[in-house]
Amino acid sequence: MADDLSLGDFTPGEKARLALLTARMAKRGLAGVDVNINDLKRKAERIEDQARRRKHGK
């Protein structure tokens, strides 16, 4: 998570989506070091950006 966000800044749905994405990243990580997880990282970053915008009122 980003430095300026806490767990309370996320909605329950966002928390669930982040947990699912984290599990998918871990599963891909078990497949090997050559497996690309950048698409899942981008999805997680979008969720964090959405929470950050809501927190700062933008």
PDB file of N, CA and C in Angstrom:
ATOM      1  N   MET A   1       0.823  -1.181   0.000  1.00  0.00           N
ATOM      2  CA  MET A   1       0.000   0.000   0.000  1.00  0.00           C
ATOM      3  C   MET A   1       0.867   1.244   0.000  1.00  0.00           C
ATOM      4  N   ALA A   2       0.277   2.313  -0.431  1.00  0.00           N
ATOM      5  CA  ALA A   2       1.000   3.571  -0.475  1.00  0.00           C
ATOM      6  C   ALA A   2       1.205   4.111   0.936  1.00  0.00           C
ATOM      7  N   ASP A   3       2.184   4.999   1.086  1.00  0.00           N
ATOM      8  CA  ASP A   3       2.549   5.518   2.398  1.00  0.00           C
ATOM      9  C   ASP A   3       1.455   6.355   3.037  1.00  0.00           C
ATOM     10  N   ASP A   4       0.722   7.110   2.257  1.00  0.00           N
ATOM     11  CA  ASP A   4      -0.255   8.021   2.832  1.00  0.00           C
ATOM     12  C   ASP A   4      -1.625   7.380   3.050  1.00  0.00           C
ATOM     13  N   LEU A   5      -1.776   6.113   2.789  1.00  0.00           N
ATOM     14  CA  LEU A   5      -3.040   5.422   2.975  1.00  0.00           C
ATOM     15  C   LEU A   5      -2.943   4.442   4.132  1.00  0.00           C
ATOM     16  N   SER A   6      -4.046   4.335   4.873  1.00  0.00           N
ATOM     17  CA  SER A   6      -4.138   3.312   5.905  1.00  0.00           C
ATOM     18  C   SER A   6      -5.249   2.349   5.496  1.00  0.00           C
ATOM     19  N   LEU A   7      -5.359   1.272   6.213  1.00  0.00           N
ATOM     20  CA  LEU A   7      -6.361   0.268   5.874  1.00  0.00           C
ATOM     21  C   LEU A   7      -7.780   0.835   5.982  1.00  0.00           C
ATOM     22  N   GLY A   8      -7.971   1.795   6.864  1.00  0.00           N
ATOM     23  CA  GLY A   8      -9.288   2.410   7.041  1.00  0.00           C
ATOM     24  C   GLY A   8      -9.710   3.296   5.883  1.00  0.00           C
ATOM     25  N   ASP A   9      -8.792   3.642   5.008  1.00  0.00           N
ATOM     26  CA  ASP A   9      -9.114   4.504   3.865  1.00  0.00           C
ATOM     27  C   ASP A   9      -9.769   3.734   2.724  1.00  0.00           C
ATOM     28  N   PHE A  10      -9.767   2.418   2.805  1.00  0.00           N
ATOM     29  CA  PHE A  10     -10.344   1.585   1.753  1.00  0.00           C
ATOM     30  C   PHE A  10     -11.746   1.141   2.142  1.00  0.00           C
ATOM     31  N   THR A  11     -12.608   1.016   1.143  1.00  0.00           N
ATOM     32  CA  THR A  11     -13.939   0.471   1.380  1.00  0.00           C
ATOM     33  C   THR A  11     -13.820  -1.039   1.549  1.00  0.00           C
ATOM     34  N   PRO A  12     -14.842  -1.677   2.116  1.00  0.00           N
ATOM     35  CA  PRO A  12     -14.784  -3.142   2.240  1.00  0.00           C
ATOM     36  C   PRO A  12     -14.605  -3.845   0.893  1.00  0.00           C
ATOM     37  N   GLY A  13     -15.216  -3.327  -0.148  1.00  0.00           N
ATOM     38  CA  GLY A  13     -15.061  -3.912  -1.480  1.00  0.00           C
ATOM     39  C   GLY A  13     -13.646  -3.787  -2.004  1.00  0.00           C
ATOM     40  N   GLU A  14     -13.027  -2.635  -1.758  1.00  0.00           N
ATOM     41  CA  GLU A  14     -11.652  -2.438  -2.193  1.00  0.00           C
ATOM     42  C   GLU A  14     -10.708  -3.352  -1.425  1.00  0.00           C
ATOM     43  N   LYS A  15     -10.968  -3.533  -0.142  1.00  0.00           N
ATOM     44  CA  LYS A  15     -10.141  -4.441   0.663  1.00  0.00           C
ATOM     45  C   LYS A  15     -10.225  -5.864   0.118  1.00  0.00           C
ATOM     46  N   ALA A  16     -11.437  -6.278  -0.235  1.00  0.00           N
ATOM     47  CA  ALA A  16     -11.627  -7.626  -0.771  1.00  0.00           C
ATOM     48  C   ALA A  16     -10.919  -7.770  -2.119  1.00  0.00           C
ATOM     49  N   ARG A  17     -11.039  -6.762  -2.973  1.00  0.00           N
ATOM     50  CA  ARG A  17     -10.381  -6.821  -4.276  1.00  0.00           C
ATOM     51  C   ARG A  17      -8.868  -6.853  -4.136  1.00  0.00           C
ATOM     52  N   LEU A  18      -8.326  -6.052  -3.190  1.00  0.00           N
ATOM     53  CA  LEU A  18      -6.885  -6.062  -2.965  1.00  0.00           C
ATOM     54  C   LEU A  18      -6.422  -7.412  -2.425  1.00  0.00           C
ATOM     55  N   ALA A  19      -7.222  -8.020  -1.553  1.00  0.00           N
ATOM     56  CA  ALA A  19      -6.867  -9.341  -1.019  1.00  0.00           C
ATOM     57  C   ALA A  19      -6.854 -10.375  -2.140  1.00  0.00           C
ATOM     58  N   LEU A  20      -7.827 -10.305  -3.025  1.00  0.00           N
ATOM     59  CA  LEU A  20      -7.883 -11.238  -4.145  1.00  0.00           C
ATOM     60  C   LEU A  20      -6.697 -11.037  -5.088  1.00  0.00           C
ATOM     61  N   LEU A  21      -6.376  -9.787  -5.384  1.00  0.00           N
ATOM     62  CA  LEU A  21      -5.236  -9.508  -6.263  1.00  0.00           C
ATOM     63  C   LEU A  21      -3.927  -9.968  -5.628  1.00  0.00           C
ATOM     64  N   THR A  22      -3.797  -9.779  -4.318  1.00  0.00           N
ATOM     65  CA  THR A  22      -2.595 -10.228  -3.618  1.00  0.00           C
ATOM     66  C   THR A  22      -2.464 -11.745  -3.701  1.00  0.00           C
ATOM     67  N   ALA A  23      -3.578 -12.440  -3.529  1.00  0.00           N
ATOM     68  CA  ALA A  23      -3.551 -13.902  -3.630  1.00  0.00           C
ATOM     69  C   ALA A  23      -3.185 -14.344  -5.045  1.00  0.00           C
ATOM     70  N   ARG A  24      -3.709 -13.656  -6.050  1.00  0.00           N
ATOM     71  CA  ARG A  24      -3.379 -14.007  -7.432  1.00  0.00           C
ATOM     72  C   ARG A  24      -1.909 -13.747  -7.731  1.00  0.00           C
ATOM     73  N   MET A  25      -1.356 -12.642  -7.172  1.00  0.00           N
ATOM     74  CA  MET A  25       0.069 -12.360  -7.353  1.00  0.00           C
ATOM     75  C   MET A  25       0.921 -13.447  -6.704  1.00  0.00           C
ATOM     76  N   ALA A  26       0.504 -13.873  -5.520  1.00  0.00           N
ATOM     77  CA  ALA A  26       1.258 -14.927  -4.825  1.00  0.00           C
ATOM     78  C   ALA A  26       1.201 -16.235  -5.608  1.00  0.00           C
ATOM     79  N   LYS A  27       0.047 -16.546  -6.159  1.00  0.00           N
ATOM     80  CA  LYS A  27      -0.084 -17.778  -6.940  1.00  0.00           C
ATOM     81  C   LYS A  27       0.808 -17.732  -8.181  1.00  0.00           C
ATOM     82  N   ARG A  28       0.829 -16.589  -8.839  1.00  0.00           N
ATOM     83  CA  ARG A  28       1.706 -16.448 -10.002  1.00  0.00           C
ATOM     84  C   ARG A  28       3.161 -16.502  -9.591  1.00  0.00           C
ATOM     85  N   GLY A  29       3.474 -15.946  -8.425  1.00  0.00           N
ATOM     86  CA  GLY A  29       4.843 -15.979  -7.935  1.00  0.00           C
ATOM     87  C   GLY A  29       5.327 -17.390  -7.691  1.00  0.00           C
ATOM     88  N   LEU A  30       4.429 -18.265  -7.281  1.00  0.00           N
ATOM     89  CA  LEU A  30       4.788 -19.666  -7.082  1.00  0.00           C
ATOM     90  C   LEU A  30       5.099 -20.362  -8.403  1.00  0.00           C
ATOM     91  N   ALA A  31       4.574 -19.815  -9.486  1.00  0.00           N
ATOM     92  CA  ALA A  31       4.795 -20.433 -10.792  1.00  0.00           C
ATOM     93  C   ALA A  31       6.224 -20.240 -11.282  1.00  0.00           C
ATOM     94  N   GLY A  32       6.902 -19.238 -10.756  1.00  0.00           N
ATOM     95  CA  GLY A  32       8.286 -19.018 -11.160  1.00  0.00           C
ATOM     96  C   GLY A  32       8.628 -17.550 -11.256  1.00  0.00           C
ATOM     97  N   VAL A  33       9.902 -17.287 -11.380  1.00  0.00           N
ATOM     98  CA  VAL A  33      10.369 -15.899 -11.432  1.00  0.00           C
ATOM     99  C   VAL A  33      10.137 -15.262 -12.799  1.00  0.00           C
ATOM    100  N   ASP A  34       9.913 -16.050 -13.816  1.00  0.00           N
ATOM    101  CA  ASP A  34       9.715 -15.513 -15.160  1.00  0.00           C
ATOM    102  C   ASP A  34       8.266 -15.107 -15.435  1.00  0.00           C
ATOM    103  N   VAL A  35       7.367 -15.340 -14.485  1.00  0.00           N
ATOM    104  CA  VAL A  35       5.961 -15.022 -14.677  1.00  0.00           C
ATOM    105  C   VAL A  35       5.741 -13.534 -14.415  1.00  0.00           C
ATOM    106  N   ASN A  36       5.041 -12.872 -15.309  1.00  0.00           N
ATOM    107  CA  ASN A  36       4.814 -11.437 -15.222  1.00  0.00           C
ATOM    108  C   ASN A  36       3.563 -11.151 -14.392  1.00  0.00           C
ATOM    109  N   ILE A  37       3.700 -10.296 -13.371  1.00  0.00           N
ATOM    110  CA  ILE A  37       2.549  -9.922 -12.541  1.00  0.00           C
ATOM    111  C   ILE A  37       2.252  -8.424 -12.648  1.00  0.00           C
ATOM    112  N   ASN A  38       2.811  -7.769 -13.643  1.00  0.00           N
ATOM    113  CA  ASN A  38       2.623  -6.327 -13.789  1.00  0.00           C
ATOM    114  C   ASN A  38       1.166  -5.936 -13.976  1.00  0.00           C
ATOM    115  N   ASP A  39       0.379  -6.750 -14.663  1.00  0.00           N
ATOM    116  CA  ASP A  39      -1.033  -6.411 -14.866  1.00  0.00           C
ATOM    117  C   ASP A  39      -1.778  -6.385 -13.534  1.00  0.00           C
ATOM    118  N   LEU A  40      -1.467  -7.305 -12.638  1.00  0.00           N
ATOM    119  CA  LEU A  40      -2.120  -7.332 -11.333  1.00  0.00           C
ATOM    120  C   LEU A  40      -1.645  -6.167 -10.463  1.00  0.00           C
ATOM    121  N   LYS A  41      -0.388  -5.801 -10.580  1.00  0.00           N
ATOM    122  CA  LYS A  41       0.124  -4.651  -9.835  1.00  0.00           C
ATOM    123  C   LYS A  41      -0.573  -3.372 -10.274  1.00  0.00           C
ATOM    124  N   ARG A  42      -0.788  -3.217 -11.584  1.00  0.00           N
ATOM    125  CA  ARG A  42      -1.473  -2.027 -12.093  1.00  0.00           C
ATOM    126  C   ARG A  42      -2.903  -1.957 -11.566  1.00  0.00           C
ATOM    127  N   LYS A  43      -3.587  -3.101 -11.505  1.00  0.00           N
ATOM    128  CA  LYS A  43      -4.948  -3.114 -10.960  1.00  0.00           C
ATOM    129  C   LYS A  43      -4.951  -2.687  -9.495  1.00  0.00           C
ATOM    130  N   ALA A  44      -3.999  -3.167  -8.721  1.00  0.00           N
ATOM    131  CA  ALA A  44      -3.902  -2.792  -7.310  1.00  0.00           C
ATOM    132  C   ALA A  44      -3.590  -1.299  -7.178  1.00  0.00           C
ATOM    133  N   GLU A  45      -2.731  -0.780  -8.030  1.00  0.00           N
ATOM    134  CA  GLU A  45      -2.395   0.643  -7.994  1.00  0.00           C
ATOM    135  C   GLU A  45      -3.603   1.505  -8.325  1.00  0.00           C
ATOM    136  N   ARG A  46      -4.446   1.050  -9.247  1.00  0.00           N
ATOM    137  CA  ARG A  46      -5.659   1.801  -9.576  1.00  0.00           C
ATOM    138  C   ARG A  46      -6.600   1.868  -8.377  1.00  0.00           C
ATOM    139  N   ILE A  47      -6.710   0.770  -7.641  1.00  0.00           N
ATOM    140  CA  ILE A  47      -7.558   0.759  -6.442  1.00  0.00           C
ATOM    141  C   ILE A  47      -6.993   1.724  -5.403  1.00  0.00           C
ATOM    142  N   GLU A  48      -5.674   1.715  -5.223  1.00  0.00           N
ATOM    143  CA  GLU A  48      -5.031   2.636  -4.282  1.00  0.00           C
ATOM    144  C   GLU A  48      -5.224   4.086  -4.715  1.00  0.00           C
ATOM    145  N   ASP A  49      -5.113   4.356  -6.008  1.00  0.00           N
ATOM    146  CA  ASP A  49      -5.315   5.718  -6.516  1.00  0.00           C
ATOM    147  C   ASP A  49      -6.738   6.190  -6.252  1.00  0.00           C
ATOM    148  N   GLN A  50      -7.701   5.301  -6.428  1.00  0.00           N
ATOM    149  CA  GLN A  50      -9.097   5.641  -6.177  1.00  0.00           C
ATOM    150  C   GLN A  50      -9.310   5.994  -4.698  1.00  0.00           C
ATOM    151  N   ALA A  51      -8.745   5.224  -3.796  1.00  0.00           N
ATOM    152  CA  ALA A  51      -8.862   5.502  -2.362  1.00  0.00           C
ATOM    153  C   ALA A  51      -8.145   6.806  -2.004  1.00  0.00           C
ATOM    154  N   ARG A  52      -7.000   7.052  -2.625  1.00  0.00           N
ATOM    155  CA  ARG A  52      -6.238   8.274  -2.365  1.00  0.00           C
ATOM    156  C   ARG A  52      -7.027   9.497  -2.825  1.00  0.00           C
ATOM    157  N   ARG A  53      -7.670   9.420  -4.008  1.00  0.00           N
ATOM    158  CA  ARG A  53      -8.480  10.531  -4.494  1.00  0.00           C
ATOM    159  C   ARG A  53      -9.660  10.792  -3.569  1.00  0.00           C
ATOM    160  N   ARG A  54     -10.284   9.738  -3.077  1.00  0.00           N
ATOM    161  CA  ARG A  54     -11.421   9.893  -2.179  1.00  0.00           C
ATOM    162  C   ARG A  54     -10.972  10.514  -0.849  1.00  0.00           C
ATOM    163  N   LYS A  55      -9.803  10.107  -0.364  1.00  0.00           N
ATOM    164  CA  LYS A  55      -9.283  10.616   0.910  1.00  0.00           C
ATOM    165  C   LYS A  55      -8.970  12.108   0.816  1.00  0.00           C
ATOM    166  N   HIS A  56      -8.369  12.514  -0.304  1.00  0.00           N
ATOM    167  CA  HIS A  56      -7.945  13.905  -0.458  1.00  0.00           C
ATOM    168  C   HIS A  56      -9.009  14.763  -1.131  1.00  0.00           C
ATOM    169  N   GLY A  57     -10.162  14.218  -1.432  1.00  0.00           N
ATOM    170  CA  GLY A  57     -11.260  14.994  -1.972  1.00  0.00           C
ATOM    171  C   GLY A  57     -11.080  15.477  -3.385  1.00  0.00           C
ATOM    172  N   LYS A  58     -10.376  14.726  -4.211  1.00  0.00           N
ATOM    173  CA  LYS A  58     -10.160  15.141  -5.602  1.00  0.00           C
ATOM    174  C   LYS A  58     -10.975  14.314  -6.542  1.00  0.00           C
TER     175      LYS A  58
END
